[in-house]
Amino acid sequence: GLLLLRVRDEIRMTIAAYQTLYESSVAFGMRKALQAEQGKSDMERRI
């Protein structure tokens, strides 16, 4: 049971790491999307 507990905690730790990576990637993607949107508006104004 204690060994299974270690396995469960390892799985949770891996999932938490992937969740943190996903959240950071989503935030990075949002920043890039906002920058692209801002650059698009600037480019449209320049055009």
All heavy atoms as atom14 arrays in JSON, in Angstrom:
{
  "sequence": "GLLLLRVRDEIRMTIAAYQTLYESSVAFGMRKALQAEQGKSDMERRI",
  "atom14_mask": [
    [1, 1, 1, 1, 0, 0, 0, 0, 0, 0, 0, 0, 0, 0],
    [1, 1, 1, 1, 1, 1, 1, 1, 0, 0, 0, 0, 0, 0],
    [1, 1, 1, 1, 1, 1, 1, 1, 0, 0, 0, 0, 0, 0],
    [1, 1, 1, 1, 1, 1, 1, 1, 0, 0, 0, 0, 0, 0],
    [1, 1, 1, 1, 1, 1, 1, 1, 0, 0, 0, 0, 0, 0],
    [1, 1, 1, 1, 1, 1, 1, 1, 1, 1, 1, 0, 0, 0],
    [1, 1, 1, 1, 1, 1, 1, 0, 0, 0, 0, 0, 0, 0],
    [1, 1, 1, 1, 1, 1, 1, 1, 1, 1, 1, 0, 0, 0],
    [1, 1, 1, 1, 1, 1, 1, 1, 0, 0, 0, 0, 0, 0],
    [1, 1, 1, 1, 1, 1, 1, 1, 1, 0, 0, 0, 0, 0],
    [1, 1, 1, 1, 1, 1, 1, 1, 0, 0, 0, 0, 0, 0],
    [1, 1, 1, 1, 1, 1, 1, 1, 1, 1, 1, 0, 0, 0],
    [1, 1, 1, 1, 1, 1, 1, 1, 0, 0, 0, 0, 0, 0],
    [1, 1, 1, 1, 1, 1, 1, 0, 0, 0, 0, 0, 0, 0],
    [1, 1, 1, 1, 1, 1, 1, 1, 0, 0, 0, 0, 0, 0],
    [1, 1, 1, 1, 1, 0, 0, 0, 0, 0, 0, 0, 0, 0],
    [1, 1, 1, 1, 1, 0, 0, 0, 0, 0, 0, 0, 0, 0],
    [1, 1, 1, 1, 1, 1, 1, 1, 1, 1, 1, 1, 0, 0],
    [1, 1, 1, 1, 1, 1, 1, 1, 1, 0, 0, 0, 0, 0],
    [1, 1, 1, 1, 1, 1, 1, 0, 0, 0, 0, 0, 0, 0],
    [1, 1, 1, 1, 1, 1, 1, 1, 0, 0, 0, 0, 0, 0],
    [1, 1, 1, 1, 1, 1, 1, 1, 1, 1, 1, 1, 0, 0],
    [1, 1, 1, 1, 1, 1, 1, 1, 1, 0, 0, 0, 0, 0],
    [1, 1, 1, 1, 1, 1, 0, 0, 0, 0, 0, 0, 0, 0],
    [1, 1, 1, 1, 1, 1, 0, 0, 0, 0, 0, 0, 0, 0],
    [1, 1, 1, 1, 1, 1, 1, 0, 0, 0, 0, 0, 0, 0],
    [1, 1, 1, 1, 1, 0, 0, 0, 0, 0, 0, 0, 0, 0],
    [1, 1, 1, 1, 1, 1, 1, 1, 1, 1, 1, 0, 0, 0],
    [1, 1, 1, 1, 0, 0, 0, 0, 0, 0, 0, 0, 0, 0],
    [1, 1, 1, 1, 1, 1, 1, 1, 0, 0, 0, 0, 0, 0],
    [1, 1, 1, 1, 1, 1, 1, 1, 1, 1, 1, 0, 0, 0],
    [1, 1, 1, 1, 1, 1, 1, 1, 1, 0, 0, 0, 0, 0],
    [1, 1, 1, 1, 1, 0, 0, 0, 0, 0, 0, 0, 0, 0],
    [1, 1, 1, 1, 1, 1, 1, 1, 0, 0, 0, 0, 0, 0],
    [1, 1, 1, 1, 1, 1, 1, 1, 1, 0, 0, 0, 0, 0],
    [1, 1, 1, 1, 1, 0, 0, 0, 0, 0, 0, 0, 0, 0],
    [1, 1, 1, 1, 1, 1, 1, 1, 1, 0, 0, 0, 0, 0],
    [1, 1, 1, 1, 1, 1, 1, 1, 1, 0, 0, 0, 0, 0],
    [1, 1, 1, 1, 0, 0, 0, 0, 0, 0, 0, 0, 0, 0],
    [1, 1, 1, 1, 1, 1, 1, 1, 1, 0, 0, 0, 0, 0],
    [1, 1, 1, 1, 1, 1, 0, 0, 0, 0, 0, 0, 0, 0],
    [1, 1, 1, 1, 1, 1, 1, 1, 0, 0, 0, 0, 0, 0],
    [1, 1, 1, 1, 1, 1, 1, 1, 0, 0, 0, 0, 0, 0],
    [1, 1, 1, 1, 1, 1, 1, 1, 1, 0, 0, 0, 0, 0],
    [1, 1, 1, 1, 1, 1, 1, 1, 1, 1, 1, 0, 0, 0],
    [1, 1, 1, 1, 1, 1, 1, 1, 1, 1, 1, 0, 0, 0],
    [1, 1, 1, 1, 1, 1, 1, 1, 0, 0, 0, 0, 0, 0]
  ],
  "atom14_positions": [
    [[0.81, -1.21, 0.0], [0.0, 0.0, 0.0], [0.85, 1.26, 0.0], [0.54, 2.23, -0.7], [0.0, 0.0, 0.0], [0.0, 0.0, 0.0], [0.0, 0.0, 0.0], [0.0, 0.0, 0.0], [0.0, 0.0, 0.0], [0.0, 0.0, 0.0], [0.0, 0.0, 0.0], [0.0, 0.0, 0.0], [0.0, 0.0, 0.0], [0.0, 0.0, 0.0]],
    [[1.95, 1.24, 0.8], [2.84, 2.4, 0.82], [3.52, 2.6, -0.54], [3.72, 3.73, -0.99], [3.9, 2.23, 1.91], [3.37, 2.26, 3.35], [4.47, 1.93, 4.34], [2.78, 3.63, 3.67], [0.0, 0.0, 0.0], [0.0, 0.0, 0.0], [0.0, 0.0, 0.0], [0.0, 0.0, 0.0], [0.0, 0.0, 0.0], [0.0, 0.0, 0.0]],
    [[3.86, 1.49, -1.21], [4.45, 1.61, -2.54], [3.45, 2.18, -3.53], [3.79, 3.04, -4.37], [4.95, 0.24, -3.01], [5.69, 0.22, -4.34], [6.89, 1.15, -4.31], [6.11, -1.2, -4.7], [0.0, 0.0, 0.0], [0.0, 0.0, 0.0], [0.0, 0.0, 0.0], [0.0, 0.0, 0.0], [0.0, 0.0, 0.0], [0.0, 0.0, 0.0]],
    [[2.21, 1.73, -3.44], [1.17, 2.3, -4.3], [0.96, 3.78, -3.99], [0.65, 4.58, -4.88], [-0.13, 1.54, -4.12], [-0.2, 0.16, -4.79], [-1.53, -0.51, -4.47], [-0.03, 0.28, -6.29], [0.0, 0.0, 0.0], [0.0, 0.0, 0.0], [0.0, 0.0, 0.0], [0.0, 0.0, 0.0], [0.0, 0.0, 0.0], [0.0, 0.0, 0.0]],
    [[1.11, 4.15, -2.73], [0.99, 5.56, -2.36], [2.07, 6.39, -3.05], [1.79, 7.48, -3.56], [1.1, 5.71, -0.84], [1.09, 7.15, -0.31], [-0.24, 7.8, -0.57], [1.43, 7.17, 1.17], [0.0, 0.0, 0.0], [0.0, 0.0, 0.0], [0.0, 0.0, 0.0], [0.0, 0.0, 0.0], [0.0, 0.0, 0.0], [0.0, 0.0, 0.0]],
    [[3.3, 5.84, -3.09], [4.37, 6.55, -3.8], [4.05, 6.68, -5.28], [4.3, 7.73, -5.9], [5.69, 5.81, -3.61], [6.26, 5.89, -2.2], [7.61, 5.21, -2.14], [8.56, 5.8, -3.08], [9.79, 5.33, -3.31], [10.2, 4.24, -2.67], [10.57, 5.93, -4.17], [0.0, 0.0, 0.0], [0.0, 0.0, 0.0], [0.0, 0.0, 0.0]],
    [[3.5, 5.61, -5.85], [3.12, 5.66, -7.27], [2.05, 6.73, -7.49], [2.11, 7.52, -8.44], [2.63, 4.29, -7.74], [2.09, 4.37, -9.16], [3.75, 3.26, -7.67], [0.0, 0.0, 0.0], [0.0, 0.0, 0.0], [0.0, 0.0, 0.0], [0.0, 0.0, 0.0], [0.0, 0.0, 0.0], [0.0, 0.0, 0.0], [0.0, 0.0, 0.0]],
    [[1.05, 6.78, -6.6], [-0.02, 7.77, -6.74], [0.53, 9.2, -6.64], [0.18, 10.07, -7.44], [-1.08, 7.54, -5.66], [-2.28, 8.46, -5.77], [-3.07, 8.51, -4.48], [-2.33, 9.19, -3.44], [-2.79, 9.41, -2.2], [-4.0, 8.97, -1.87], [-2.06, 10.02, -1.31], [0.0, 0.0, 0.0], [0.0, 0.0, 0.0], [0.0, 0.0, 0.0]],
    [[1.41, 9.41, -5.65], [1.96, 10.76, -5.48], [2.84, 11.15, -6.67], [2.87, 12.32, -7.08], [2.76, 10.84, -4.18], [1.87, 10.75, -2.96], [0.66, 10.98, -3.11], [2.38, 10.45, -1.87], [0.0, 0.0, 0.0], [0.0, 0.0, 0.0], [0.0, 0.0, 0.0], [0.0, 0.0, 0.0], [0.0, 0.0, 0.0], [0.0, 0.0, 0.0]],
    [[3.55, 10.16, -7.22], [4.37, 10.46, -8.4], [3.48, 10.84, -9.58], [3.8, 11.77, -10.34], [5.24, 9.24, -8.74], [6.05, 9.4, -10.01], [7.08, 10.51, -9.94], [7.5, 10.85, -8.81], [7.44, 11.05, -10.99], [0.0, 0.0, 0.0], [0.0, 0.0, 0.0], [0.0, 0.0, 0.0], [0.0, 0.0, 0.0], [0.0, 0.0, 0.0]],
    [[2.38, 10.13, -9.75], [1.45, 10.45, -10.83], [0.87, 11.86, -10.63], [0.77, 12.65, -11.56], [0.33, 9.4, -10.89], [0.9, 8.05, -11.32], [-0.77, 9.83, -11.87], [-0.11, 6.92, -11.28], [0.0, 0.0, 0.0], [0.0, 0.0, 0.0], [0.0, 0.0, 0.0], [0.0, 0.0, 0.0], [0.0, 0.0, 0.0], [0.0, 0.0, 0.0]],
    [[0.49, 12.16, -9.39], [-0.07, 13.48, -9.12], [0.98, 14.58, -9.36], [0.66, 15.64, -9.89], [-0.56, 13.55, -7.67], [-1.82, 12.75, -7.42], [-2.33, 12.97, -6.0], [-3.6, 12.28, -5.77], [-4.26, 12.32, -4.62], [-3.79, 13.03, -3.61], [-5.41, 11.67, -4.49], [0.0, 0.0, 0.0], [0.0, 0.0, 0.0], [0.0, 0.0, 0.0]],
    [[2.22, 14.28, -8.98], [3.27, 15.27, -9.19], [3.51, 15.49, -10.69], [3.68, 16.63, -11.14], [4.56, 14.82, -8.52], [5.71, 15.82, -8.63], [7.15, 15.32, -7.67], [7.57, 13.79, -8.48], [0.0, 0.0, 0.0], [0.0, 0.0, 0.0], [0.0, 0.0, 0.0], [0.0, 0.0, 0.0], [0.0, 0.0, 0.0], [0.0, 0.0, 0.0]],
    [[3.47, 14.4, -11.46], [3.65, 14.53, -12.91], [2.5, 15.31, -13.53], [2.7, 16.2, -14.37], [3.74, 13.14, -13.55], [4.81, 12.4, -12.93], [4.0, 13.25, -15.04], [0.0, 0.0, 0.0], [0.0, 0.0, 0.0], [0.0, 0.0, 0.0], [0.0, 0.0, 0.0], [0.0, 0.0, 0.0], [0.0, 0.0, 0.0], [0.0, 0.0, 0.0]],
    [[1.28, 14.99, -13.1], [0.11, 15.71, -13.62], [0.18, 17.2, -13.25], [-0.14, 18.07, -14.07], [-1.18, 15.08, -13.09], [-1.36, 13.67, -13.68], [-2.4, 15.93, -13.44], [-2.56, 12.93, -13.15], [0.0, 0.0, 0.0], [0.0, 0.0, 0.0], [0.0, 0.0, 0.0], [0.0, 0.0, 0.0], [0.0, 0.0, 0.0], [0.0, 0.0, 0.0]],
    [[0.61, 17.47, -12.01], [0.73, 18.88, -11.59], [1.79, 19.6, -12.42], [1.61, 20.77, -12.78], [1.09, 18.94, -10.1], [0.0, 0.0, 0.0], [0.0, 0.0, 0.0], [0.0, 0.0, 0.0], [0.0, 0.0, 0.0], [0.0, 0.0, 0.0], [0.0, 0.0, 0.0], [0.0, 0.0, 0.0], [0.0, 0.0, 0.0], [0.0, 0.0, 0.0]],
    [[2.89, 18.89, -12.74], [3.92, 19.52, -13.58], [3.38, 19.8, -14.97], [3.61, 20.88, -15.53], [5.14, 18.6, -13.65], [0.0, 0.0, 0.0], [0.0, 0.0, 0.0], [0.0, 0.0, 0.0], [0.0, 0.0, 0.0], [0.0, 0.0, 0.0], [0.0, 0.0, 0.0], [0.0, 0.0, 0.0], [0.0, 0.0, 0.0], [0.0, 0.0, 0.0]],
    [[2.67, 18.83, -15.54], [2.07, 19.06, -16.86], [1.04, 20.18, -16.81], [0.9, 20.96, -17.76], [1.43, 17.78, -17.38], [2.4, 16.8, -17.97], [2.51, 15.5, -17.48], [3.23, 17.16, -19.03], [3.42, 14.6, -18.01], [4.13, 16.26, -19.57], [4.22, 14.99, -19.06], [5.11, 14.1, -19.59], [0.0, 0.0, 0.0], [0.0, 0.0, 0.0]],
    [[0.29, 20.25, -15.7], [-0.71, 21.31, -15.57], [-0.03, 22.68, -15.51], [-0.48, 23.64, -16.16], [-1.55, 21.08, -14.32], [-2.67, 22.09, -14.14], [-3.54, 21.79, -12.93], [-3.3, 20.8, -12.22], [-4.52, 22.62, -12.67], [0.0, 0.0, 0.0], [0.0, 0.0, 0.0], [0.0, 0.0, 0.0], [0.0, 0.0, 0.0], [0.0, 0.0, 0.0]],
    [[1.06, 22.76, -14.74], [1.8, 24.02, -14.68], [2.37, 24.39, -16.04], [2.31, 25.55, -16.47], [2.94, 23.9, -13.65], [2.39, 23.53, -12.38], [3.69, 25.21, -13.52], [0.0, 0.0, 0.0], [0.0, 0.0, 0.0], [0.0, 0.0, 0.0], [0.0, 0.0, 0.0], [0.0, 0.0, 0.0], [0.0, 0.0, 0.0], [0.0, 0.0, 0.0]],
    [[2.9, 23.37, -16.74], [3.44, 23.62, -18.09], [2.33, 24.06, -19.04], [2.52, 24.98, -19.85], [4.1, 22.34, -18.61], [4.74, 22.42, -20.01], [5.85, 23.47, -20.03], [5.27, 21.07, -20.43], [0.0, 0.0, 0.0], [0.0, 0.0, 0.0], [0.0, 0.0, 0.0], [0.0, 0.0, 0.0], [0.0, 0.0, 0.0], [0.0, 0.0, 0.0]],
    [[1.16, 23.43, -18.91], [0.03, 23.81, -19.78], [-0.41, 25.25, -19.5], [-0.64, 26.03, -20.42], [-1.12, 22.84, -19.55], [-2.41, 23.26, -20.19], [-2.61, 23.1, -21.57], [-3.44, 23.81, -19.45], [-3.78, 23.49, -22.17], [-4.63, 24.2, -20.04], [-4.8, 24.03, -21.4], [-5.96, 24.43, -21.98], [0.0, 0.0, 0.0], [0.0, 0.0, 0.0]],
    [[-0.51, 25.59, -18.21], [-0.94, 26.95, -17.87], [0.07, 27.98, -18.36], [-0.3, 29.05, -18.88], [-1.14, 27.06, -16.36], [-2.32, 26.25, -15.82], [-2.4, 26.28, -14.31], [-1.46, 26.85, -13.69], [-3.39, 25.75, -13.75], [0.0, 0.0, 0.0], [0.0, 0.0, 0.0], [0.0, 0.0, 0.0], [0.0, 0.0, 0.0], [0.0, 0.0, 0.0]],
    [[1.37, 27.67, -18.19], [2.38, 28.62, -18.66], [2.37, 28.73, -20.19], [2.53, 29.83, -20.74], [3.77, 28.18, -18.18], [4.11, 26.9, -18.71], [0.0, 0.0, 0.0], [0.0, 0.0, 0.0], [0.0, 0.0, 0.0], [0.0, 0.0, 0.0], [0.0, 0.0, 0.0], [0.0, 0.0, 0.0], [0.0, 0.0, 0.0], [0.0, 0.0, 0.0]],
    [[2.14, 27.59, -20.87], [2.07, 27.65, -22.34], [0.84, 28.41, -22.81], [0.9, 29.16, -23.8], [2.06, 26.23, -22.91], [0.92, 25.51, -22.48], [0.0, 0.0, 0.0], [0.0, 0.0, 0.0], [0.0, 0.0, 0.0], [0.0, 0.0, 0.0], [0.0, 0.0, 0.0], [0.0, 0.0, 0.0], [0.0, 0.0, 0.0], [0.0, 0.0, 0.0]],
    [[-0.28, 28.24, -22.09], [-1.48, 28.99, -22.44], [-1.25, 30.49, -22.25], [-1.63, 31.31, -23.09], [-2.69, 28.51, -21.62], [-3.86, 29.45, -21.76], [-3.1, 27.1, -22.05], [0.0, 0.0, 0.0], [0.0, 0.0, 0.0], [0.0, 0.0, 0.0], [0.0, 0.0, 0.0], [0.0, 0.0, 0.0], [0.0, 0.0, 0.0], [0.0, 0.0, 0.0]],
    [[-0.61, 30.84, -21.11], [-0.31, 32.25, -20.86], [0.63, 32.8, -21.94], [0.46, 33.91, -22.43], [0.3, 32.42, -19.47], [0.0, 0.0, 0.0], [0.0, 0.0, 0.0], [0.0, 0.0, 0.0], [0.0, 0.0, 0.0], [0.0, 0.0, 0.0], [0.0, 0.0, 0.0], [0.0, 0.0, 0.0], [0.0, 0.0, 0.0], [0.0, 0.0, 0.0]],
    [[1.64, 31.99, -22.31], [2.56, 32.42, -23.36], [1.84, 32.6, -24.68], [2.06, 33.57, -25.41], [3.69, 31.38, -23.5], [4.68, 31.7, -24.59], [5.66, 32.66, -24.41], [4.62, 31.02, -25.8], [6.57, 32.94, -25.43], [5.51, 31.3, -26.82], [6.49, 32.26, -26.62], [0.0, 0.0, 0.0], [0.0, 0.0, 0.0], [0.0, 0.0, 0.0]],
    [[0.96, 31.64, -24.99], [0.18, 31.75, -26.23], [-0.73, 32.97, -26.24], [-0.87, 33.64, -27.27], [0.0, 0.0, 0.0], [0.0, 0.0, 0.0], [0.0, 0.0, 0.0], [0.0, 0.0, 0.0], [0.0, 0.0, 0.0], [0.0, 0.0, 0.0], [0.0, 0.0, 0.0], [0.0, 0.0, 0.0], [0.0, 0.0, 0.0], [0.0, 0.0, 0.0]],
    [[-1.33, 33.28, -25.08], [-2.19, 34.45, -25.0], [-1.38, 35.73, -25.2], [-1.83, 36.65, -25.89], [-2.89, 34.48, -23.64], [-3.95, 33.42, -23.47], [-5.32, 33.63, -24.64], [-5.98, 35.19, -24.07], [0.0, 0.0, 0.0], [0.0, 0.0, 0.0], [0.0, 0.0, 0.0], [0.0, 0.0, 0.0], [0.0, 0.0, 0.0], [0.0, 0.0, 0.0]],
    [[-0.19, 35.76, -24.58], [0.65, 36.95, -24.77], [1.04, 37.12, -26.24], [0.99, 38.23, -26.79], [1.92, 36.85, -23.9], [1.68, 37.03, -22.42], [2.99, 37.31, -21.69], [3.95, 36.24, -21.88], [4.06, 35.18, -21.09], [3.24, 35.05, -20.06], [4.98, 34.27, -21.31], [0.0, 0.0, 0.0], [0.0, 0.0, 0.0], [0.0, 0.0, 0.0]],
    [[1.42, 36.0, -26.86], [1.78, 36.08, -28.27], [0.58, 36.48, -29.13], [0.73, 37.24, -30.1], [2.33, 34.73, -28.74], [3.73, 34.43, -28.23], [4.72, 35.45, -28.73], [6.13, 35.15, -28.27], [7.1, 36.18, -28.74], [0.0, 0.0, 0.0], [0.0, 0.0, 0.0], [0.0, 0.0, 0.0], [0.0, 0.0, 0.0], [0.0, 0.0, 0.0]],
    [[-0.6, 35.95, -28.78], [-1.79, 36.32, -29.54], [-2.1, 37.8, -29.39], [-2.46, 38.48, -30.36], [-2.98, 35.47, -29.08], [0.0, 0.0, 0.0], [0.0, 0.0, 0.0], [0.0, 0.0, 0.0], [0.0, 0.0, 0.0], [0.0, 0.0, 0.0], [0.0, 0.0, 0.0], [0.0, 0.0, 0.0], [0.0, 0.0, 0.0], [0.0, 0.0, 0.0]],
    [[-1.96, 38.32, -28.16], [-2.2, 39.75, -27.94], [-1.18, 40.59, -28.7], [-1.52, 41.63, -29.29], [-2.15, 40.06, -26.44], [-3.31, 39.49, -25.61], [-3.1, 39.78, -24.12], [-4.65, 40.05, -26.06], [0.0, 0.0, 0.0], [0.0, 0.0, 0.0], [0.0, 0.0, 0.0], [0.0, 0.0, 0.0], [0.0, 0.0, 0.0], [0.0, 0.0, 0.0]],
    [[0.09, 40.14, -28.65], [1.11, 40.88, -29.39], [0.83, 40.85, -30.89], [0.98, 41.86, -31.59], [2.48, 40.28, -29.1], [2.97, 40.5, -27.67], [4.3, 39.83, -27.39], [4.88, 39.21, -28.28], [4.78, 39.94, -26.17], [0.0, 0.0, 0.0], [0.0, 0.0, 0.0], [0.0, 0.0, 0.0], [0.0, 0.0, 0.0], [0.0, 0.0, 0.0]],
    [[0.42, 39.66, -31.37], [0.09, 39.57, -32.79], [-1.11, 40.44, -33.14], [-1.13, 41.09, -34.2], [-0.18, 38.11, -33.16], [0.0, 0.0, 0.0], [0.0, 0.0, 0.0], [0.0, 0.0, 0.0], [0.0, 0.0, 0.0], [0.0, 0.0, 0.0], [0.0, 0.0, 0.0], [0.0, 0.0, 0.0], [0.0, 0.0, 0.0], [0.0, 0.0, 0.0]],
    [[-2.11, 40.46, -32.24], [-3.29, 41.3, -32.5], [-2.91, 42.77, -32.5], [-3.37, 43.53, -33.35], [-4.34, 41.02, -31.41], [-5.69, 41.65, -31.7], [-6.38, 41.01, -32.89], [-6.07, 39.86, -33.22], [-7.24, 41.69, -33.49], [0.0, 0.0, 0.0], [0.0, 0.0, 0.0], [0.0, 0.0, 0.0], [0.0, 0.0, 0.0], [0.0, 0.0, 0.0]],
    [[-2.05, 43.14, -31.54], [-1.6, 44.52, -31.51], [-0.78, 44.85, -32.75], [-0.94, 45.92, -33.37], [-0.77, 44.78, -30.25], [-0.32, 46.23, -30.09], [0.45, 46.46, -28.8], [0.66, 45.51, -28.04], [0.86, 47.67, -28.55], [0.0, 0.0, 0.0], [0.0, 0.0, 0.0], [0.0, 0.0, 0.0], [0.0, 0.0, 0.0], [0.0, 0.0, 0.0]],
    [[0.12, 43.93, -33.13], [0.9, 44.15, -34.35], [0.02, 44.19, -35.58], [0.29, 44.95, -36.52], [0.0, 0.0, 0.0], [0.0, 0.0, 0.0], [0.0, 0.0, 0.0], [0.0, 0.0, 0.0], [0.0, 0.0, 0.0], [0.0, 0.0, 0.0], [0.0, 0.0, 0.0], [0.0, 0.0, 0.0], [0.0, 0.0, 0.0], [0.0, 0.0, 0.0]],
    [[-1.04, 43.38, -35.57], [-1.96, 43.39, -36.7], [-2.67, 44.73, -36.81], [-2.81, 45.29, -37.92], [-2.98, 42.27, -36.53], [-4.01, 42.19, -37.65], [-4.99, 41.07, -37.39], [-6.07, 41.02, -38.49], [-7.06, 39.95, -38.23], [0.0, 0.0, 0.0], [0.0, 0.0, 0.0], [0.0, 0.0, 0.0], [0.0, 0.0, 0.0], [0.0, 0.0, 0.0]],
    [[-3.14, 45.27, -35.67], [-3.81, 46.57, -35.71], [-2.84, 47.66, -36.17], [-3.21, 48.54, -36.96], [-4.38, 46.9, -34.33], [-3.34, 46.96, -33.36], [0.0, 0.0, 0.0], [0.0, 0.0, 0.0], [0.0, 0.0, 0.0], [0.0, 0.0, 0.0], [0.0, 0.0, 0.0], [0.0, 0.0, 0.0], [0.0, 0.0, 0.0], [0.0, 0.0, 0.0]],
    [[-1.59, 47.59, -35.68], [-0.6, 48.58, -36.13], [-0.34, 48.45, -37.63], [-0.23, 49.46, -38.35], [0.71, 48.39, -35.36], [0.55, 48.7, -33.87], [-0.43, 49.4, -33.53], [1.38, 48.23, -33.08], [0.0, 0.0, 0.0], [0.0, 0.0, 0.0], [0.0, 0.0, 0.0], [0.0, 0.0, 0.0], [0.0, 0.0, 0.0], [0.0, 0.0, 0.0]],
    [[-0.24, 47.21, -38.09], [-0.01, 47.0, -39.52], [-1.19, 47.48, -40.35], [-1.01, 48.09, -41.42], [0.25, 45.52, -39.78], [0.72, 45.21, -41.19], [2.3, 46.01, -41.58], [3.38, 45.17, -40.43], [0.0, 0.0, 0.0], [0.0, 0.0, 0.0], [0.0, 0.0, 0.0], [0.0, 0.0, 0.0], [0.0, 0.0, 0.0], [0.0, 0.0, 0.0]],
    [[-2.43, 47.21, -39.86], [-3.61, 47.68, -40.58], [-3.64, 49.2, -40.63], [-3.99, 49.8, -41.65], [-4.87, 47.14, -39.91], [-5.08, 45.63, -40.1], [-6.3, 45.14, -39.37], [-6.87, 45.92, -38.56], [-6.71, 43.97, -39.59], [0.0, 0.0, 0.0], [0.0, 0.0, 0.0], [0.0, 0.0, 0.0], [0.0, 0.0, 0.0], [0.0, 0.0, 0.0]],
    [[-3.26, 49.84, -39.52], [-3.21, 51.3, -39.51], [-2.14, 51.81, -40.47], [-2.36, 52.79, -41.2], [-2.93, 51.8, -38.09], [-2.98, 53.32, -37.96], [-2.92, 53.75, -36.52], [-1.71, 53.32, -35.86], [-1.65, 52.35, -34.97], [-2.75, 51.69, -34.64], [-0.51, 52.01, -34.4], [0.0, 0.0, 0.0], [0.0, 0.0, 0.0], [0.0, 0.0, 0.0]],
    [[-1.0, 51.13, -40.49], [0.06, 51.53, -41.41], [-0.38, 51.33, -42.86], [-0.09, 52.18, -43.74], [1.32, 50.7, -41.13], [2.49, 50.98, -42.06], [2.93, 52.42, -41.98], [4.09, 52.68, -42.84], [4.52, 53.88, -43.16], [3.91, 54.96, -42.69], [5.58, 54.02, -43.93], [0.0, 0.0, 0.0], [0.0, 0.0, 0.0], [0.0, 0.0, 0.0]],
    [[-1.08, 50.24, -43.14], [-1.58, 49.99, -44.5], [-2.57, 51.08, -44.91], [-2.55, 51.56, -46.05], [-2.23, 48.59, -44.57], [-1.16, 47.51, -44.45], [-3.02, 48.42, -45.85], [-1.72, 46.11, -44.37], [0.0, 0.0, 0.0], [0.0, 0.0, 0.0], [0.0, 0.0, 0.0], [0.0, 0.0, 0.0], [0.0, 0.0, 0.0], [0.0, 0.0, 0.0]]
  ]
}
